[in-house]
Every structure is written in structure tokens, then in C-alpha cells.
C-alpha atoms as a PDB file:
ATOM      1  CA  MET A   1       6.405 -19.664  -9.689  1.00  0.00           C
ATOM      2  CA  ALA A   2       7.807 -17.326 -12.123  1.00  0.00           C
ATOM      3  CA  GLU A   3      10.058 -14.356 -11.207  1.00  0.00           C
ATOM      4  CA  PRO A   4       8.565 -11.061 -11.104  1.00  0.00           C
ATOM      5  CA  ASP A   5       9.512  -8.440 -14.037  1.00  0.00           C
ATOM      6  CA  SER A   6      11.663  -5.096 -12.926  1.00  0.00           C
ATOM      7  CA  LEU A   7      10.656  -2.104 -13.906  1.00  0.00           C
ATOM      8  CA  HIS A   8      11.758   1.320 -13.462  1.00  0.00           C
ATOM      9  CA  LEU A   9       9.504   4.202 -14.320  1.00  0.00           C
ATOM     10  CA  ALA A  10       9.323   8.235 -14.552  1.00  0.00           C
ATOM     11  CA  SER A  11      12.587   8.599 -15.584  1.00  0.00           C
ATOM     12  CA  GLY A  12      14.176   6.237 -13.463  1.00  0.00           C
ATOM     13  CA  ARG A  13      12.617   7.695 -10.110  1.00  0.00           C
ATOM     14  CA  LEU A  14      10.056   4.585  -9.026  1.00  0.00           C
ATOM     15  CA  ALA A  15      11.181   1.326  -9.384  1.00  0.00           C
ATOM     16  CA  ALA A  16       8.374  -1.624  -9.679  1.00  0.00           C
ATOM     17  CA  LEU A  17       7.875  -5.501  -9.702  1.00  0.00           C
ATOM     18  CA  ALA A  18       5.320  -6.614 -12.356  1.00  0.00           C
ATOM     19  CA  TRP A  19       3.849  -9.920 -12.420  1.00  0.00           C
ATOM     20  CA  GLY A  20       1.886 -11.521 -15.624  1.00  0.00           C
ATOM     21  CA  GLU A  21       1.925 -10.668 -19.530  1.00  0.00           C
ATOM     22  CA  PRO A  22       2.559  -6.915 -20.369  1.00  0.00           C
ATOM     23  CA  GLU A  23      -0.742  -7.323 -22.855  1.00  0.00           C
ATOM     24  CA  ALA A  24      -3.064  -8.610 -19.760  1.00  0.00           C
ATOM     25  CA  PRO A  25      -5.395  -6.008 -17.916  1.00  0.00           C
ATOM     26  CA  THR A  26      -2.889  -3.980 -15.483  1.00  0.00           C
ATOM     27  CA  TRP A  27      -3.409  -3.908 -11.944  1.00  0.00           C
ATOM     28  CA  LEU A  28      -1.322  -0.913  -9.599  1.00  0.00           C
ATOM     29  CA  ALA A  29      -0.017  -2.598  -6.223  1.00  0.00           C
ATOM     30  CA  LEU A  30       0.942   0.127  -3.453  1.00  0.00           C
ATOM     31  CA  HIS A  31       1.853  -0.748  -0.276  1.00  0.00           C
ATOM     32  CA  GLY A  32       2.291   0.291   3.159  1.00  0.00           C
ATOM     33  CA  TRP A  33       4.393   2.358   5.252  1.00  0.00           C
ATOM     34  CA  LEU A  34       8.488   1.265   5.172  1.00  0.00           C
ATOM     35  CA  ASP A  35       7.209  -1.572   2.786  1.00  0.00           C
ATOM     36  CA  ASN A  36       7.716  -1.978  -0.713  1.00  0.00           C
ATOM     37  CA  ALA A  37       6.859  -3.614  -4.144  1.00  0.00           C
ATOM     38  CA  ALA A  38       7.771  -7.199  -2.270  1.00  0.00           C
ATOM     39  CA  SER A  39       4.924  -6.738  -0.489  1.00  0.00           C
ATOM     40  CA  PHE A  40       2.686  -8.385  -3.189  1.00  0.00           C
ATOM     41  CA  SER A  41       5.108 -11.297  -4.148  1.00  0.00           C
ATOM     42  CA  ARG A  42       2.951 -13.714  -2.677  1.00  0.00           C
ATOM     43  CA  LEU A  43      -0.721 -12.358  -3.500  1.00  0.00           C
ATOM     44  CA  ALA A  44       0.405 -11.525  -7.342  1.00  0.00           C
ATOM     45  CA  PRO A  45       0.999 -14.286  -8.738  1.00  0.00           C
ATOM     46  CA  ARG A  46      -2.056 -15.973  -7.288  1.00  0.00           C
ATOM     47  CA  LEU A  47      -3.926 -13.234  -9.124  1.00  0.00           C
ATOM     48  CA  VAL A  48      -2.226 -13.393 -12.297  1.00  0.00           C
ATOM     49  CA  GLU A  49      -3.260 -17.368 -12.227  1.00  0.00           C
ATOM     50  CA  ARG A  50      -6.457 -17.195 -11.799  1.00  0.00           C
ATOM     51  CA  LEU A  51      -7.726 -13.735 -12.750  1.00  0.00           C
ATOM     52  CA  SER A  52      -5.021 -13.734 -16.068  1.00  0.00           C
ATOM     53  CA  VAL A  53      -4.211  -9.692 -15.477  1.00  0.00           C
ATOM     54  CA  ARG A  54      -1.326  -7.980 -14.872  1.00  0.00           C
ATOM     55  CA  VAL A  55       0.229  -6.562 -11.603  1.00  0.00           C
ATOM     56  CA  VAL A  56       2.935  -3.832 -10.940  1.00  0.00           C
ATOM     57  CA  ALA A  57       3.182  -2.899  -7.478  1.00  0.00           C
ATOM     58  CA  LEU A  58       5.390   0.006  -7.110  1.00  0.00           C
ATOM     59  CA  ASP A  59       8.326   1.267  -4.711  1.00  0.00           C
ATOM     60  CA  PHE A  60       6.942   4.487  -3.335  1.00  0.00           C
ATOM     61  CA  SER A  61       9.548   7.370  -3.228  1.00  0.00           C
ATOM     62  CA  GLY A  62      12.134   6.633  -0.291  1.00  0.00           C
ATOM     63  CA  HIS A  63      10.838   2.643  -0.258  1.00  0.00           C
ATOM     64  CA  GLY A  64      12.435   0.017  -1.828  1.00  0.00           C
ATOM     65  CA  GLU A  65      14.488   0.278  -4.781  1.00  0.00           C
ATOM     66  CA  SER A  66      12.893   3.520  -5.316  1.00  0.00           C
ATOM     67  CA  ALA A  67      14.452   7.718  -5.455  1.00  0.00           C
ATOM     68  CA  HIS A  68      14.195   9.224  -1.993  1.00  0.00           C
ATOM     69  CA  ARG A  69      12.131  12.734  -2.218  1.00  0.00           C
ATOM     70  CA  ALA A  70      14.292  16.181  -1.755  1.00  0.00           C
ATOM     71  CA  GLY A  71      10.946  17.298   0.231  1.00  0.00           C
ATOM     72  CA  ASP A  72       7.918  15.849   2.702  1.00  0.00           C
ATOM     73  CA  TYR A  73       6.394  12.576   2.781  1.00  0.00           C
ATOM     74  CA  ALA A  74       3.128  13.349   3.016  1.00  0.00           C
ATOM     75  CA  LEU A  75       0.284  10.810   2.152  1.00  0.00           C
ATOM     76  CA  TRP A  76      -1.163  13.091  -1.164  1.00  0.00           C
ATOM     77  CA  ASP A  77       2.543  13.700  -2.416  1.00  0.00           C
ATOM     78  CA  TYR A  78       2.251   9.572  -3.026  1.00  0.00           C
ATOM     79  CA  CYS A  79      -0.557  10.175  -5.116  1.00  0.00           C
ATOM     80  CA  HIS A  80       2.067  11.637  -7.745  1.00  0.00           C
ATOM     81  CA  ASP A  81       4.384   8.508  -7.861  1.00  0.00           C
ATOM     82  CA  VAL A  82       0.547   6.049  -8.554  1.00  0.00           C
ATOM     83  CA  LEU A  83      -0.098   8.453 -11.619  1.00  0.00           C
ATOM     84  CA  ASP A  84       3.865   9.306 -12.963  1.00  0.00           C
ATOM     85  CA  ALA A  85       3.203   5.495 -12.542  1.00  0.00           C
ATOM     86  CA  ALA A  86       0.126   5.151 -14.335  1.00  0.00           C
ATOM     87  CA  ASP A  87       1.367   7.758 -17.353  1.00  0.00           C
ATOM     88  CA  ALA A  88       4.303   5.662 -18.120  1.00  0.00           C
ATOM     89  CA  LEU A  89       2.055   2.448 -18.204  1.00  0.00           C
ATOM     90  CA  GLY A  90      -0.182   3.975 -20.399  1.00  0.00           C
ATOM     91  CA  LEU A  91      -3.085   3.234 -17.868  1.00  0.00           C
ATOM     92  CA  GLU A  92      -5.779   5.691 -18.025  1.00  0.00           C
ATOM     93  CA  ARG A  93      -8.222   4.078 -15.350  1.00  0.00           C
ATOM     94  CA  LEU A  94      -7.003   2.467 -12.438  1.00  0.00           C
ATOM     95  CA  THR A  95      -7.568  -0.873 -10.884  1.00  0.00           C
ATOM     96  CA  LEU A  96      -5.505  -0.248  -7.430  1.00  0.00           C
ATOM     97  CA  LEU A  97      -4.614  -3.138  -5.338  1.00  0.00           C
ATOM     98  CA  ALA A  98      -3.785  -1.356  -1.941  1.00  0.00           C
ATOM     99  CA  HIS A  99      -2.493  -2.121   1.682  1.00  0.00           C
ATOM    100  CA  SER A 100      -2.437  -0.089   4.862  1.00  0.00           C
ATOM    101  CA  MET A 101      -0.984   3.259   3.616  1.00  0.00           C
ATOM    102  CA  GLY A 102      -1.259   2.350   0.034  1.00  0.00           C
ATOM    103  CA  ALA A 103      -4.851   2.209   0.830  1.00  0.00           C
ATOM    104  CA  GLY A 104      -4.767   5.542   2.169  1.00  0.00           C
ATOM    105  CA  VAL A 105      -3.031   6.985  -1.290  1.00  0.00           C
ATOM    106  CA  ALA A 106      -5.673   4.581  -3.672  1.00  0.00           C
ATOM    107  CA  CYS A 107      -8.673   6.881  -1.333  1.00  0.00           C
ATOM    108  CA  LEU A 108      -7.147  10.015  -1.846  1.00  0.00           C
ATOM    109  CA  LEU A 109      -6.865   9.629  -5.956  1.00  0.00           C
ATOM    110  CA  ALA A 110     -10.175   7.674  -6.304  1.00  0.00           C
ATOM    111  CA  ALA A 111     -12.061  10.813  -4.242  1.00  0.00           C
ATOM    112  CA  ALA A 112      -9.994  13.740  -5.894  1.00  0.00           C
ATOM    113  CA  LEU A 113     -10.111  11.964  -9.351  1.00  0.00           C
ATOM    114  CA  PRO A 114     -12.829  10.046  -9.758  1.00  0.00           C
ATOM    115  CA  GLU A 115     -12.030   9.390 -13.809  1.00  0.00           C
ATOM    116  CA  ARG A 116      -8.771   8.077 -13.039  1.00  0.00           C
ATOM    117  CA  VAL A 117      -9.870   4.951 -10.752  1.00  0.00           C
ATOM    118  CA  ALA A 118     -11.786   2.271 -12.097  1.00  0.00           C
ATOM    119  CA  ARG A 119     -11.773   0.585  -8.994  1.00  0.00           C
ATOM    120  CA  LEU A 120     -10.364  -0.552  -5.405  1.00  0.00           C
ATOM    121  CA  LEU A 121      -9.073  -3.303  -4.017  1.00  0.00           C
ATOM    122  CA  LEU A 122      -8.096  -2.631  -0.116  1.00  0.00           C
ATOM    123  CA  VAL A 123      -6.195  -4.902   2.454  1.00  0.00           C
ATOM    124  CA  ASP A 124      -6.715  -3.615   5.816  1.00  0.00           C
ATOM    125  CA  GLY A 125      -6.357  -0.021   5.267  1.00  0.00           C
ATOM    126  CA  LEU A 126      -9.150   2.684   4.476  1.00  0.00           C
ATOM    127  CA  GLY A 127      -8.944   6.125   4.476  1.00  0.00           C
ATOM    128  CA  ALA A 128      -5.874   8.313   6.088  1.00  0.00           C
ATOM    129  CA  VAL A 129      -4.194   8.553   9.813  1.00  0.00           C
ATOM    130  CA  THR A 130      -5.771  12.006  11.005  1.00  0.00           C
ATOM    131  CA  THR A 131      -5.026  14.076  13.699  1.00  0.00           C
ATOM    132  CA  PRO A 132      -7.908  16.278  15.446  1.00  0.00           C
ATOM    133  CA  ALA A 133      -7.948  20.127  14.706  1.00  0.00           C
ATOM    134  CA  ALA A 134      -7.228  20.767  18.716  1.00  0.00           C
ATOM    135  CA  GLU A 135      -3.994  18.800  18.136  1.00  0.00           C
ATOM    136  CA  VAL A 136      -2.598  20.102  14.891  1.00  0.00           C
ATOM    137  CA  PRO A 137      -0.544  22.934  16.617  1.00  0.00           C
ATOM    138  CA  ALA A 138       1.264  19.787  18.282  1.00  0.00           C
ATOM    139  CA  GLN A 139       1.884  17.683  15.312  1.00  0.00           C
ATOM    140  CA  LEU A 140       3.144  20.321  13.879  1.00  0.00           C
ATOM    141  CA  ARG A 141       5.757  21.072  16.629  1.00  0.00           C
ATOM    142  CA  LYS A 142       6.618  17.022  16.214  1.00  0.00           C
ATOM    143  CA  GLY A 143       7.191  17.434  12.815  1.00  0.00           C
ATOM    144  CA  LEU A 144       9.132  20.772  12.441  1.00  0.00           C
ATOM    145  CA  LEU A 145      11.381  19.724  15.284  1.00  0.00           C
ATOM    146  CA  ALA A 146      12.185  16.318  14.241  1.00  0.00           C
ATOM    147  CA  ALA A 147      13.017  17.822  10.970  1.00  0.00           C
ATOM    148  CA  ARG A 148      15.744  20.136  12.364  1.00  0.00           C
ATOM    149  CA  ARG A 149      17.894  17.265  13.539  1.00  0.00           C
ATOM    150  CA  THR A 150      20.523  15.620  11.997  1.00  0.00           C
ATOM    151  CA  PRO A 151      19.943  12.311  10.359  1.00  0.00           C
ATOM    152  CA  SER A 152      20.784   9.285  11.729  1.00  0.00           C
ATOM    153  CA  PRO A 153      23.141   6.400   9.019  1.00  0.00           C
ATOM    154  CA  PRO A 154      20.640   3.932   8.208  1.00  0.00           C
ATOM    155  CA  PRO A 155      20.914   0.590   9.887  1.00  0.00           C
ATOM    156  CA  ARG A 156      23.632  -2.196   8.879  1.00  0.00           C
ATOM    157  CA  TYR A 157      23.266  -5.692   9.740  1.00  0.00           C
ATOM    158  CA  PRO A 158      25.377  -8.779   8.832  1.00  0.00           C
ATOM    159  CA  ASP A 159      23.201 -10.593   7.165  1.00  0.00           C
ATOM    160  CA  ASN A 160      19.568 -10.899   6.285  1.00  0.00           C
ATOM    161  CA  GLU A 161      18.675 -12.900   8.950  1.00  0.00           C
ATOM    162  CA  MET A 162      19.636 -10.195  11.526  1.00  0.00           C
ATOM    163  CA  ALA A 163      17.607  -7.850   9.633  1.00  0.00           C
ATOM    164  CA  VAL A 164      14.616  -9.483   9.410  1.00  0.00           C
ATOM    165  CA  ALA A 165      15.481 -10.500  12.903  1.00  0.00           C
ATOM    166  CA  ALA A 166      14.857  -6.505  13.406  1.00  0.00           C
ATOM    167  CA  ARG A 167      11.422  -5.457  11.435  1.00  0.00           C
ATOM    168  CA  VAL A 168      10.363  -8.417  13.267  1.00  0.00           C
ATOM    169  CA  ALA A 169      10.948  -7.043  16.854  1.00  0.00           C
ATOM    170  CA  GLY A 170      10.559  -3.314  16.007  1.00  0.00           C
ATOM    171  CA  GLY A 171       7.636  -3.456  13.659  1.00  0.00           C
ATOM    172  CA  VAL A 172       4.635  -0.727  14.615  1.00  0.00           C
ATOM    173  CA  THR A 173       2.404  -3.664  13.759  1.00  0.00           C
ATOM    174  CA  PRO A 174       3.319  -7.577  14.521  1.00  0.00           C
ATOM    175  CA  ILE A 175       4.990  -9.606  11.946  1.00  0.00           C
ATOM    176  CA  ASP A 176       6.345 -13.012  11.769  1.00  0.00           C
ATOM    177  CA  ALA A 177       9.754 -13.767   9.980  1.00  0.00           C
ATOM    178  CA  ALA A 178       7.990 -15.351   7.054  1.00  0.00           C
ATOM    179  CA  THR A 179       6.050 -12.695   6.183  1.00  0.00           C
ATOM    180  CA  ALA A 180       8.882 -10.141   6.729  1.00  0.00           C
ATOM    181  CA  GLU A 181      11.211 -11.648   4.591  1.00  0.00           C
ATOM    182  CA  PRO A 182      10.375 -10.580   1.249  1.00  0.00           C
ATOM    183  CA  LEU A 183      10.215  -7.131   2.341  1.00  0.00           C
ATOM    184  CA  VAL A 184      13.460  -6.833   4.396  1.00  0.00           C
ATOM    185  CA  ARG A 185      14.969  -8.406   1.018  1.00  0.00           C
ATOM    186  CA  ARG A 186      14.275  -6.082  -1.359  1.00  0.00           C
ATOM    187  CA  ASN A 187      15.016  -3.535   1.162  1.00  0.00           C
ATOM    188  CA  LEU A 188      18.742  -3.987   1.652  1.00  0.00           C
ATOM    189  CA  GLU A 189      21.292  -2.865  -0.169  1.00  0.00           C
ATOM    190  CA  PRO A 190      24.750  -4.990  -0.016  1.00  0.00           C
ATOM    191  CA  LEU A 191      27.899  -2.995   1.021  1.00  0.00           C
ATOM    192  CA  PRO A 192      31.763  -3.047   0.463  1.00  0.00           C
ATOM    193  CA  ASP A 193      32.103  -5.122   3.626  1.00  0.00           C
ATOM    194  CA  GLY A 194      29.600  -7.747   3.258  1.00  0.00           C
ATOM    195  CA  HIS A 195      26.787  -5.892   5.781  1.00  0.00           C
ATOM    196  CA  ARG A 196      23.761  -4.809   4.432  1.00  0.00           C
ATOM    197  CA  ARG A 197      22.115  -1.334   4.927  1.00  0.00           C
ATOM    198  CA  LEU A 198      18.324  -0.345   4.815  1.00  0.00           C
ATOM    199  CA  ARG A 199      17.697   1.198   1.591  1.00  0.00           C
ATOM    200  CA  THR A 200      14.706   3.258   2.842  1.00  0.00           C
ATOM    201  CA  ASP A 201      15.282   7.266   3.732  1.00  0.00           C
ATOM    202  CA  GLY A 202      14.952   7.711   7.436  1.00  0.00           C
ATOM    203  CA  ARG A 203      12.947  10.557   6.894  1.00  0.00           C
ATOM    204  CA  LEU A 204       9.971   8.377   6.072  1.00  0.00           C
ATOM    205  CA  LEU A 205      10.049   7.720  10.510  1.00  0.00           C
ATOM    206  CA  TRP A 206       9.959  11.283  11.108  1.00  0.00           C
ATOM    207  CA  PRO A 207       6.376  12.892  12.360  1.00  0.00           C
ATOM    208  CA  SER A 208       4.345  14.181   9.698  1.00  0.00           C
ATOM    209  CA  PRO A 209       3.628  17.864   9.950  1.00  0.00           C
ATOM    210  CA  LEU A 210       0.567  17.942   8.912  1.00  0.00           C
ATOM    211  CA  ARG A 211      -2.051  15.280   8.499  1.00  0.00           C
ATOM    212  CA  LEU A 212      -6.060  15.797   7.535  1.00  0.00           C
ATOM    213  CA  SER A 213      -8.797  16.133  10.353  1.00  0.00           C
ATOM    214  CA  PRO A 214     -10.788  12.475  11.199  1.00  0.00           C
ATOM    215  CA  GLU A 215     -13.575  14.962   9.575  1.00  0.00           C
ATOM    216  CA  GLN A 216     -11.433  15.761   6.344  1.00  0.00           C
ATOM    217  CA  ALA A 217     -10.622  12.132   6.160  1.00  0.00           C
ATOM    218  CA  ARG A 218     -14.531  10.986   5.751  1.00  0.00           C
ATOM    219  CA  ALA A 219     -15.300  13.737   3.339  1.00  0.00           C
ATOM    220  CA  VAL A 220     -12.331  11.941   1.423  1.00  0.00           C
ATOM    221  CA  LEU A 221     -13.818   8.205   1.508  1.00  0.00           C
ATOM    222  CA  ALA A 222     -17.979  10.059   0.813  1.00  0.00           C
ATOM    223  CA  ALA A 223     -16.377  11.346  -2.296  1.00  0.00           C
ATOM    224  CA  ILE A 224     -15.490   7.969  -3.641  1.00  0.00           C
ATOM    225  CA  ARG A 225     -17.805   6.471  -6.080  1.00  0.00           C
ATOM    226  CA  CYS A 226     -16.224   3.765  -7.577  1.00  0.00           C
ATOM    227  CA  PRO A 227     -17.249   0.183  -6.502  1.00  0.00           C
ATOM    228  CA  ALA A 228     -14.665  -0.520  -3.397  1.00  0.00           C
ATOM    229  CA  LEU A 229     -13.923  -3.687  -1.294  1.00  0.00           C
ATOM    230  CA  LEU A 230     -12.261  -3.680   1.647  1.00  0.00           C
ATOM    231  CA  ILE A 231     -10.391  -7.096   2.656  1.00  0.00           C
ATOM    232  CA  GLU A 232      -9.390  -7.146   6.559  1.00  0.00           C
ATOM    233  CA  GLY A 233      -7.418  -9.336   8.902  1.00  0.00           C
ATOM    234  CA  GLU A 234      -9.169 -11.060  12.090  1.00  0.00           C
ATOM    235  CA  ASN A 235      -5.931  -9.428  13.633  1.00  0.00           C
ATOM    236  CA  GLY A 236      -5.676  -6.371  11.882  1.00  0.00           C
ATOM    237  CA  ILE A 237      -5.177  -2.831  12.260  1.00  0.00           C
ATOM    238  CA  LEU A 238      -9.143  -1.919  11.707  1.00  0.00           C
ATOM    239  CA  GLY A 239     -11.766  -3.972  13.684  1.00  0.00           C
ATOM    240  CA  GLU A 240     -14.691  -2.871  15.371  1.00  0.00           C
ATOM    241  CA  ARG A 241     -13.088   0.112  16.765  1.00  0.00           C
ATOM    242  CA  ALA A 242     -14.865   3.701  16.181  1.00  0.00           C
ATOM    243  CA  PRO A 243     -12.357   5.336  13.719  1.00  0.00           C
ATOM    244  CA  ALA A 244     -12.723   2.267  11.282  1.00  0.00           C
ATOM    245  CA  ALA A 245     -16.535   1.859  11.257  1.00  0.00           C
ATOM    246  CA  MET A 246     -17.104   5.538  10.998  1.00  0.00           C
ATOM    247  CA  ALA A 247     -14.525   5.124   7.957  1.00  0.00           C
ATOM    248  CA  ARG A 248     -16.324   2.120   6.561  1.00  0.00           C
ATOM    249  CA  ALA A 249     -19.559   4.004   6.802  1.00  0.00           C
ATOM    250  CA  ALA A 250     -18.083   6.786   5.354  1.00  0.00           C
ATOM    251  CA  LEU A 251     -17.397   4.928   1.853  1.00  0.00           C
ATOM    252  CA  PRO A 252     -20.584   4.510  -0.405  1.00  0.00           C
ATOM    253  CA  GLY A 253     -21.140   0.936  -1.067  1.00  0.00           C
ATOM    254  CA  LEU A 254     -17.871  -0.193   0.401  1.00  0.00           C
ATOM    255  CA  VAL A 255     -18.181  -4.262   0.287  1.00  0.00           C
ATOM    256  CA  ARG A 256     -16.612  -5.587   3.462  1.00  0.00           C
ATOM    257  CA  ARG A 257     -14.915  -8.648   4.105  1.00  0.00           C
ATOM    258  CA  VAL A 258     -13.248 -10.216   7.198  1.00  0.00           C
ATOM    259  CA  VAL A 259     -10.995 -13.197   6.958  1.00  0.00           C
ATOM    260  CA  PRO A 260      -8.243 -14.892   9.081  1.00  0.00           C
ATOM    261  CA  GLY A 261      -4.957 -12.997   9.259  1.00  0.00           C
ATOM    262  CA  GLY A 262      -2.818 -10.211  10.330  1.00  0.00           C
ATOM    263  CA  HIS A 263      -2.598  -6.788   8.793  1.00  0.00           C
ATOM    264  CA  HIS A 264       0.046  -8.115   6.347  1.00  0.00           C
ATOM    265  CA  LEU A 265      -2.664 -10.874   5.613  1.00  0.00           C
ATOM    266  CA  HIS A 266      -1.896 -10.374   1.880  1.00  0.00           C
ATOM    267  CA  LEU A 267       1.614 -11.757   2.604  1.00  0.00           C
ATOM    268  CA  GLU A 268       1.733 -13.667   5.157  1.00  0.00           C
ATOM    269  CA  PRO A 269       2.021 -17.890   3.698  1.00  0.00           C
ATOM    270  CA  ALA A 270      -1.194 -19.091   5.389  1.00  0.00           C
ATOM    271  CA  ALA A 271      -3.674 -16.378   4.995  1.00  0.00           C
ATOM    272  CA  VAL A 272      -3.252 -14.983   1.534  1.00  0.00           C
ATOM    273  CA  SER A 273      -5.087 -17.934  -0.170  1.00  0.00           C
ATOM    274  CA  ALA A 274      -8.315 -16.113   1.650  1.00  0.00           C
ATOM    275  CA  VAL A 275      -7.439 -12.462   0.358  1.00  0.00           C
ATOM    276  CA  VAL A 276      -7.603 -14.153  -3.106  1.00  0.00           C
ATOM    277  CA  GLU A 277     -11.230 -15.683  -3.049  1.00  0.00           C
ATOM    278  CA  SER A 278     -12.358 -12.850  -1.567  1.00  0.00           C
ATOM    279  CA  ILE A 279     -11.420 -10.527  -4.456  1.00  0.00           C
ATOM    280  CA  VAL A 280     -12.006 -13.463  -7.298  1.00  0.00           C
ATOM    281  CA  ALA A 281     -16.080 -13.724  -5.983  1.00  0.00           C
ATOM    282  CA  TRP A 282     -15.962  -9.664  -5.213  1.00  0.00           C
ATOM    283  CA  LEU A 283     -15.431  -9.308  -8.815  1.00  0.00           C
ATOM    284  CA  ALA A 284     -17.544 -12.631  -9.916  1.00  0.00           C
ATOM    285  CA  ASP A 285     -20.388 -10.467  -7.828  1.00  0.00           C
ATOM    286  CA  ALA A 286     -19.792  -7.462  -9.259  1.00  0.00           C
ATOM    287  CA  ALA A 287     -19.801  -9.195 -13.323  1.00  0.00           C
ATOM    288  CA  GLY A 288     -22.988 -10.991 -12.406  1.00  0.00           C
ATOM    289  CA  GLU A 289     -24.417  -8.068 -11.210  1.00  0.00           C
ATOM    290  CA  GLN A 290     -23.651  -6.296 -14.477  1.00  0.00           C
ATOM    291  CA  ARG A 291     -24.982  -8.788 -16.630  1.00  0.00           C
ATOM    292  CA  GLN A 292     -28.453  -8.567 -14.706  1.00  0.00           C
ATOM    293  CA  GLY A 293     -28.660  -4.884 -15.570  1.00  0.00           C
ATOM    294  CA  GLU A 294     -27.882  -5.065 -18.744  1.00  0.00           C
ATOM    295  CA  GLY A 295     -30.498  -7.577 -19.039  1.00  0.00           C
ATOM    296  CA  ALA A 296     -32.645  -5.463 -17.650  1.00  0.00           C
END
């Protein structure tokens, strides 16, 4: 399997990994919170092989090898990362392949700038984490107080294995070592004393001062008009929970596929093939419907 190309976009502010030929149709891949471009290191090569596309996976600001941001890390701020990368790559209409938090960013972009987003391929993520209106003052308090504290130094580890073990033990969602290893490896910075230090901006762990309300998040989804595929893991974060069901119902024409796997199913060695097959089948169905429409 060929190694990806390393890219630096937006005057070097954004790092990315690219699989496939530069002349091929390009998809932008958007990772989840505290992850990085290596999130797509098992999925992207398979899509390149099956679909002859190019996949460019970003490191969002503050993640992986991208620069840290001076201001906040609100969900909508990541939209500028996507637009800056798209402009640097000369992409006017975007196919967005997006996981978890990246799926939230992709949905915001598709709703706000429909002329820029051609289709969405979402992996175990849909819309945004929300705060009910009545809880906004308490959420704002948490965010403001966190920002006033003295930042902690980034964690250090004697080797990659210890860093992977820490990610497995401390992950917000369950993840095993084989799945976590590519993410952790890209996120480590070697130090002169032989230790490794996390590159991730520690401020990403601060509570968000403000979030969309559930009603606002559903309005965003309802405004999306491009074709959208949602691939969920059987043991992922969405399932049949009421907020997830309401989010799915809000997005017009959403196609849902549930396959074996957890939240990082696109990176899990045993689950990634099912993600590939779901994408290939959805695109084939869409192409068939287009041919029928043209023949009518």
C-alpha cells in the first residue's frame, strides 16, 4: 500500500495527507475531535483503489501537524479550515468524507454554502453536539472558567506504545490499540530526551462556551439539499437514541447504513471493508438513478 503524500496548505497553516493521483477527482476528508488526518489511513487507500479518486485528509487546526489557533475552537470555525484547504487545492464543489466532529463541520458547510458542497459521506457522525437553551448559562460558565485556568503542559510518553495505551485507556469513545495506533503516531512529537509529546492543542479539551441548541442543529440539517450517506457502526455513538433519530429525520433524503463496528469503524481493521462497500454501493445506486432520470 503506497504511502500518502504530505501536504501543507493555507500558507502552511494546515497539514494534510493525500492518497491517489493529483489529477483524480478529489474528496476532502474531515476527522473527528482529537483525531487527525491518519483517521483515514485505512479507508482512503481502499477508496482510491475502488473508485479512482484522490482523498485529501486534513488535520484540523490544533490537531495533528496543523498549527494551533489563537482564538476559540468552535465547531463552525473549522469550516474555514475546509474552505481554505479547498481554495488551496482549487476545489469549487466538494465531496466531503467526514467522521464524527468532522461530520458536524461538513453538515454546517453543506447547509450554509450549498453551492460549495456536492455530497456528504458521513461516518458515525451527524450534525452537532448541542446545548438546550435553558443550559446555555451553565455551559458558558464552564467555558469561561476553563479558559481562565493556567494551561497544563502536553502529556509526555517514553515511547509510542505508552502513548497508544493512554489513548485506549482515556478515550471518550471505546478504541483498541490497533485502531488508535495511526492516530497516536501522527500526533506525537519527538523530544531531545527521547520522549514523545502530544502535538494536540490542550485547549481542545476545554468545554465549549457556546453550542447550537437542538432546534438550531436540526434546522441546519433540514437546510441540506445535497445527497448524503450516513454509515453508522453497530456499536457507534448514534444508534437509536432519540437525538440521533431526530437528527436523521431532519436531513432530507438521508441514506443510512448500519454496519459492524464501533465509532472509529472507518479505521478499525475488521470494519473498514464494510465502510468501503457501503460507499461504493451508494455511489452505484446514485449513478443508476441518474441514468434512469436522463432516460426518462
